[in-house]
Protein backbone atom coordinates (compact mmCIF):
# COMPACT_ATOMS: atom_id res chain seq x y z
CA MET A 1 -13.13 62.77 -9.50
CA GLU A 2 -11.42 60.59 -6.90
CA TYR A 3 -14.92 59.60 -5.45
CA PHE A 4 -15.99 58.34 -8.94
CA LEU A 5 -13.01 56.09 -9.02
CA LEU A 6 -13.60 54.67 -5.51
CA VAL A 7 -17.15 53.61 -6.24
CA PRO A 8 -16.40 51.06 -8.91
CA LEU A 9 -13.28 49.89 -6.82
CA LEU A 10 -15.50 49.18 -3.71
CA ALA A 11 -18.14 47.55 -5.93
CA PHE A 12 -15.45 45.17 -7.29
CA ILE A 13 -14.14 44.39 -3.85
CA LEU A 14 -17.67 43.59 -2.70
CA PHE A 15 -18.15 41.43 -5.68
CA LEU A 16 -15.02 39.42 -5.07
CA HIS A 17 -15.93 39.09 -1.32
CA GLN A 18 -19.35 37.77 -2.21
CA CYS A 19 -18.13 35.28 -4.73
CA PHE A 20 -15.41 33.94 -2.34
CA PHE A 21 -17.80 33.44 0.59
CA SER A 22 -20.59 32.12 -1.56
CA SER A 23 -18.42 29.40 -3.08
CA SER A 24 -16.83 28.72 0.34
CA ASN A 25 -20.34 28.25 1.86
CA THR A 26 -21.50 26.18 -1.10
CA GLN A 27 -18.44 23.91 -0.59
CA LYS A 28 -19.24 23.55 3.14
CA ARG A 29 -22.84 22.71 2.47
CA LEU A 30 -21.80 19.87 0.00
CA SER A 31 -19.07 18.58 2.20
CA PRO A 32 -19.71 15.87 4.82
CA PRO A 33 -19.58 16.89 8.47
CA SER A 34 -16.09 17.67 9.72
CA PRO A 35 -14.47 18.36 13.09
CA ARG A 36 -12.60 21.59 13.53
CA LYS A 37 -9.06 21.31 12.09
CA LEU A 38 -5.90 23.00 13.14
CA PRO A 39 -3.55 24.87 10.87
CA ILE A 40 -0.87 22.75 9.00
CA ILE A 41 -1.74 19.44 10.71
CA GLY A 42 -5.47 19.43 10.16
CA ASN A 43 -7.02 16.67 12.25
CA LEU A 44 -3.97 14.54 12.71
CA HIS A 45 -3.81 15.45 16.44
CA GLN A 46 -7.21 13.76 16.82
CA LEU A 47 -6.09 10.25 15.72
CA GLY A 48 -4.13 9.41 18.85
CA SER A 49 -2.22 6.21 19.38
CA LEU A 50 -5.20 3.99 18.57
CA PRO A 51 -6.67 5.55 15.32
CA TYR A 52 -9.53 3.08 14.85
CA ARG A 53 -10.85 3.98 18.32
CA SER A 54 -10.50 7.67 17.70
CA LEU A 55 -12.32 7.39 14.32
CA HIS A 56 -15.17 5.41 16.02
CA LYS A 57 -15.45 8.13 18.58
CA LEU A 58 -15.50 10.82 16.00
CA SER A 59 -18.13 9.01 13.91
CA LYS A 60 -20.45 8.88 16.83
CA LYS A 61 -20.31 12.60 16.88
CA TYR A 62 -20.16 13.50 13.21
CA GLY A 63 -22.08 10.69 11.59
CA PRO A 64 -21.26 7.66 9.34
CA LEU A 65 -19.74 9.84 6.65
CA MET A 66 -17.29 12.52 7.76
CA LEU A 67 -14.49 14.63 6.37
CA LEU A 68 -11.11 14.75 8.00
CA HIS A 69 -7.87 16.57 7.01
CA PHE A 70 -4.65 14.72 7.36
CA GLY A 71 -2.34 17.78 6.99
CA THR A 72 -3.15 19.07 3.42
CA LYS A 73 -5.01 15.81 2.40
CA PRO A 74 -8.77 15.65 2.64
CA VAL A 75 -9.85 12.21 3.88
CA ILE A 76 -13.46 10.79 3.77
CA VAL A 77 -14.29 8.30 6.46
CA ALA A 78 -17.15 5.99 6.05
CA SER A 79 -18.12 4.01 9.15
CA SER A 80 -21.45 2.35 8.27
CA VAL A 81 -22.51 -0.27 5.83
CA ASP A 82 -24.50 2.07 3.68
CA ALA A 83 -21.84 4.63 3.36
CA ALA A 84 -19.21 1.99 2.45
CA ARG A 85 -21.50 0.55 -0.15
CA ASP A 86 -22.04 3.92 -1.76
CA ILE A 87 -18.29 4.47 -2.01
CA MET A 88 -17.30 0.89 -2.97
CA LYS A 89 -20.12 -0.03 -5.26
CA THR A 90 -22.30 2.97 -6.39
CA HIS A 91 -19.37 5.37 -6.91
CA ASP A 92 -16.64 2.70 -7.35
CA LEU A 93 -14.83 4.51 -10.22
CA VAL A 94 -14.68 7.76 -8.43
CA TRP A 95 -12.86 6.26 -5.41
CA SER A 96 -11.05 3.36 -7.19
CA ASN A 97 -7.60 5.10 -7.12
CA ARG A 98 -5.16 4.84 -4.30
CA PRO A 99 -3.44 7.87 -2.78
CA LYS A 100 0.09 8.29 -3.87
CA SER A 101 2.53 6.90 -1.28
CA SER A 102 6.18 7.77 -1.21
CA MET A 103 6.83 4.49 0.73
CA ALA A 104 5.37 2.49 -2.11
CA ASP A 105 7.34 4.49 -4.63
CA GLY A 106 10.59 3.71 -2.73
CA LEU A 107 9.99 0.12 -1.98
CA PHE A 108 8.02 -1.18 -4.95
CA TYR A 109 9.82 0.24 -8.04
CA GLY A 110 7.75 3.42 -8.29
CA SER A 111 4.48 1.78 -7.05
CA LYS A 112 4.49 -0.82 -9.88
CA ASP A 113 3.05 -3.49 -7.37
CA VAL A 114 -0.56 -4.49 -8.04
CA GLY A 115 -1.43 -3.43 -4.57
CA PHE A 116 -0.14 0.17 -4.88
CA SER A 117 -0.10 1.12 -8.58
CA PRO A 118 -2.60 3.84 -9.58
CA TYR A 119 -5.85 2.86 -11.23
CA GLY A 120 -5.47 2.80 -14.92
CA GLU A 121 -4.58 0.57 -17.90
CA TYR A 122 -1.39 -0.77 -16.26
CA TRP A 123 -3.22 -1.78 -13.06
CA ARG A 124 -6.10 -3.42 -15.04
CA GLN A 125 -3.63 -5.45 -17.01
CA ILE A 126 -1.44 -6.72 -14.16
CA ARG A 127 -4.56 -7.38 -12.07
CA SER A 128 -6.17 -9.56 -14.74
CA VAL A 129 -2.97 -11.39 -15.28
CA ALA A 130 -2.54 -12.01 -11.61
CA VAL A 131 -6.10 -13.29 -11.13
CA LEU A 132 -5.88 -15.45 -14.31
CA HIS A 133 -2.41 -16.97 -13.96
CA LEU A 134 -1.33 -16.64 -10.38
CA LEU A 135 -4.51 -16.61 -8.23
CA SER A 136 -6.85 -18.97 -10.19
CA ASN A 137 -8.58 -21.86 -8.52
CA LYS A 138 -6.48 -24.33 -10.64
CA ARG A 139 -3.19 -22.82 -9.55
CA ALA A 140 -4.34 -22.53 -5.93
CA GLN A 141 -5.28 -26.20 -5.90
CA SER A 142 -1.92 -27.20 -7.44
CA TYR A 143 -0.19 -26.04 -4.08
CA ARG A 144 -2.60 -27.79 -1.87
CA HIS A 145 0.07 -30.21 -0.80
CA VAL A 146 2.27 -27.15 0.33
CA ARG A 147 -0.45 -25.93 2.58
CA GLU A 148 -1.15 -29.38 4.11
CA GLU A 149 2.49 -30.02 4.69
CA GLU A 150 3.18 -26.75 6.37
CA THR A 151 0.03 -27.06 8.51
CA SER A 152 1.21 -30.58 9.60
CA ASN A 153 4.60 -29.14 10.39
CA MET A 154 2.98 -26.34 12.48
CA ILE A 155 1.02 -28.92 14.49
CA ASP A 156 4.04 -31.08 15.07
CA LYS A 157 5.99 -28.03 16.33
CA ILE A 158 3.18 -27.21 18.73
CA ARG A 159 3.05 -30.84 19.94
CA GLN A 160 6.82 -30.90 20.61
CA GLN A 161 6.56 -27.65 22.71
CA CYS A 162 3.29 -28.54 24.48
CA ASP A 163 5.09 -28.57 27.87
CA SER A 164 6.22 -24.86 27.47
CA VAL A 165 4.74 -21.52 26.64
CA ILE A 166 4.03 -21.20 22.87
CA ASP A 167 3.94 -17.88 20.97
CA LEU A 168 1.06 -18.62 18.51
CA ARG A 169 1.68 -15.48 16.70
CA ASP A 170 5.23 -16.60 15.84
CA VAL A 171 4.12 -20.14 14.96
CA LEU A 172 1.30 -18.96 12.67
CA SER A 173 3.51 -16.32 11.04
CA CYS A 174 6.18 -18.95 10.41
CA MET A 175 3.53 -21.21 8.77
CA THR A 176 2.16 -18.45 6.58
CA ASN A 177 5.63 -17.31 5.49
CA ASN A 178 6.67 -20.84 4.65
CA ILE A 179 3.50 -21.36 2.55
CA ILE A 180 4.07 -18.07 0.61
CA SER A 181 7.79 -18.69 0.19
CA ARG A 182 7.33 -22.29 -1.09
CA VAL A 183 4.54 -21.27 -3.49
CA ASN A 184 6.38 -18.25 -4.92
CA ILE A 185 10.03 -19.24 -4.58
CA GLY A 186 10.08 -23.04 -4.16
CA ARG A 187 11.87 -23.13 -0.79
CA THR A 188 11.79 -21.74 2.75
CA TYR A 189 14.14 -19.39 4.53
CA ASN A 190 14.02 -20.38 8.13
CA GLU A 191 17.47 -21.62 9.02
CA GLY A 192 21.04 -20.24 8.85
CA GLU A 193 22.23 -16.81 8.23
CA THR A 194 20.33 -16.43 5.05
CA GLY A 195 17.01 -17.25 6.71
CA ILE A 196 17.67 -14.77 9.55
CA ALA A 197 18.63 -12.03 7.09
CA VAL A 198 15.48 -12.60 4.91
CA LYS A 199 13.20 -12.71 7.91
CA ALA A 200 14.66 -9.42 9.21
CA LEU A 201 14.39 -7.90 5.72
CA LEU A 202 10.62 -8.78 5.46
CA GLU A 203 9.87 -7.61 8.92
CA GLU A 204 11.52 -4.22 8.20
CA LEU A 205 9.60 -4.08 4.90
CA LEU A 206 6.33 -4.51 6.62
CA VAL A 207 7.21 -1.99 9.24
CA LEU A 208 8.15 0.67 6.65
CA VAL A 209 4.95 0.04 4.63
CA GLY A 210 2.87 0.94 7.75
CA THR A 211 5.08 3.76 8.84
CA PHE A 212 3.56 7.20 8.95
CA ASN A 213 5.27 9.45 6.54
CA ILE A 214 4.83 13.10 7.29
CA GLY A 215 5.84 14.11 3.74
CA ASP A 216 2.73 12.37 2.31
CA TYR A 217 0.45 14.73 4.18
CA ILE A 218 2.51 17.86 4.60
CA PRO A 219 4.79 17.89 1.55
CA TRP A 220 6.96 20.82 2.71
CA LEU A 221 7.93 18.79 5.74
CA LYS A 222 9.36 15.79 3.85
CA TRP A 223 12.87 17.06 4.52
CA ILE A 224 12.25 15.61 8.19
CA ASN A 225 12.66 12.12 6.78
CA LYS A 226 16.34 12.83 5.86
CA ILE A 227 16.97 13.78 9.53
CA ASN A 228 15.12 10.97 11.21
CA GLY A 229 16.59 8.44 8.98
CA LEU A 230 13.39 7.23 7.34
CA ASP A 231 14.70 7.87 3.78
CA SER A 232 18.00 5.92 4.34
CA ARG A 233 15.95 3.02 5.83
CA VAL A 234 13.62 2.91 2.77
CA LYS A 235 16.65 2.99 0.35
CA LYS A 236 18.55 0.23 2.26
CA VAL A 237 15.42 -2.05 2.36
CA ALA A 238 14.80 -1.41 -1.35
CA LYS A 239 18.41 -2.21 -2.18
CA ASP A 240 18.40 -5.38 -0.04
CA LEU A 241 15.08 -6.49 -1.41
CA ASP A 242 16.21 -5.99 -4.95
CA ALA A 243 19.37 -8.04 -4.32
CA PHE A 244 17.22 -10.79 -2.74
CA LEU A 245 14.82 -10.95 -5.76
CA GLU A 246 17.76 -10.98 -8.14
CA SER A 247 19.09 -14.10 -6.36
CA VAL A 248 15.69 -15.67 -6.51
CA ILE A 249 15.36 -15.07 -10.15
CA GLU A 250 18.85 -16.49 -10.78
CA GLU A 251 18.22 -19.49 -8.65
CA ARG A 252 14.54 -20.38 -9.64
CA GLY A 253 13.82 -18.40 -12.80
CA LEU A 254 16.85 -19.38 -14.76
CA GLY A 255 18.32 -22.35 -13.16
CA THR A 256 15.59 -24.77 -13.94
CA ARG A 257 13.02 -25.55 -16.62
CA LYS A 258 10.49 -26.57 -14.03
CA GLN A 259 7.33 -24.53 -14.19
CA ASN A 260 7.27 -22.52 -10.93
CA THR A 261 5.55 -19.36 -9.91
CA VAL A 262 8.77 -17.26 -10.42
CA ARG A 263 9.09 -18.48 -14.02
CA VAL A 264 5.31 -17.85 -14.73
CA LYS A 265 5.68 -14.28 -13.34
CA LEU A 266 8.72 -13.67 -15.62
CA LYS A 267 7.07 -15.04 -18.70
CA ILE A 268 3.93 -12.85 -18.03
CA SER A 269 5.99 -9.84 -17.38
CA TRP A 270 7.79 -10.28 -20.75
CA THR A 271 4.39 -9.64 -22.40
CA PHE A 272 4.07 -6.22 -20.78
CA CYS A 273 7.71 -5.10 -20.43
CA TRP A 274 7.78 -3.11 -23.69
CA LYS A 275 4.30 -1.67 -23.47
CA PHE A 276 4.84 -0.35 -19.97
CA ARG A 277 8.55 0.38 -20.09
CA MET A 278 9.68 -1.82 -17.20
CA GLU A 279 13.33 -1.62 -15.91
CA ARG A 280 16.04 -2.75 -18.34
CA ARG A 281 17.32 -5.00 -15.41
CA LEU A 282 14.02 -7.02 -15.59
CA VAL A 283 13.91 -7.03 -19.46
CA PHE A 284 17.32 -8.74 -19.39
CA HIS A 285 15.98 -11.54 -17.25
CA PHE A 286 12.89 -11.82 -19.33
CA LYS A 287 14.87 -12.30 -22.46
CA GLU A 288 17.01 -15.00 -20.92
CA ILE A 289 13.90 -17.28 -20.16
CA HIS A 290 11.78 -16.31 -23.17
């Protein structure tokens, strides 16, 4: 009697075994070539200090389209024109979304920024508005004098320091920041304590945006960010950035009737604030200038 019970049990076990390995082999056949991964970290150990060189070296071995695993996250790497075209044009809708980033969530109001928000109705709306009202050729030409003035200022600065060593990276960065600041805010932040604080804030913001966050790739290790201070740095920068933007809104958005980029952004945002449930803090400012 016991033998009759063992036969169907063994058959069921063999069936599960066959189904598991069959699906696993099918998945492997459909997946791009992939280097061997380690438990937990996947292929993170193969990136090294210069990831672009490491990826180039791996692509020479595994081909123009390969599969890597950054912790628990699968990552497709395209390193040829044809592979990139297939992803960005042929299958654009499949790959159009951005991976969720805890850095973007913490720094940009839950990834509400046009560069980090997930693909969907909200992103399509803010992108179309940005292209039409903020990045159009007409608006770009309206700030031509700003670009010319700041370029002239940069040349004068280089001419004045021609007898000494010049850090071109710092000079070009200063010019770019001045153009962006004047176009968006109407003034520069180069001098005094305020200028130093704003520059330090933006530098820290850029550093954090590019910081590797272990929690994004191995979620159960995100507690490490509390120990290494990353979470507190993100919260501090987000708070300081919010305070800075508040002061800009008060100074440029409400203090003058002149049509500037801040005012345009606020007026545009008023259109979408109810539809997409934006922060009440912003709604207050939108009401003030409507």
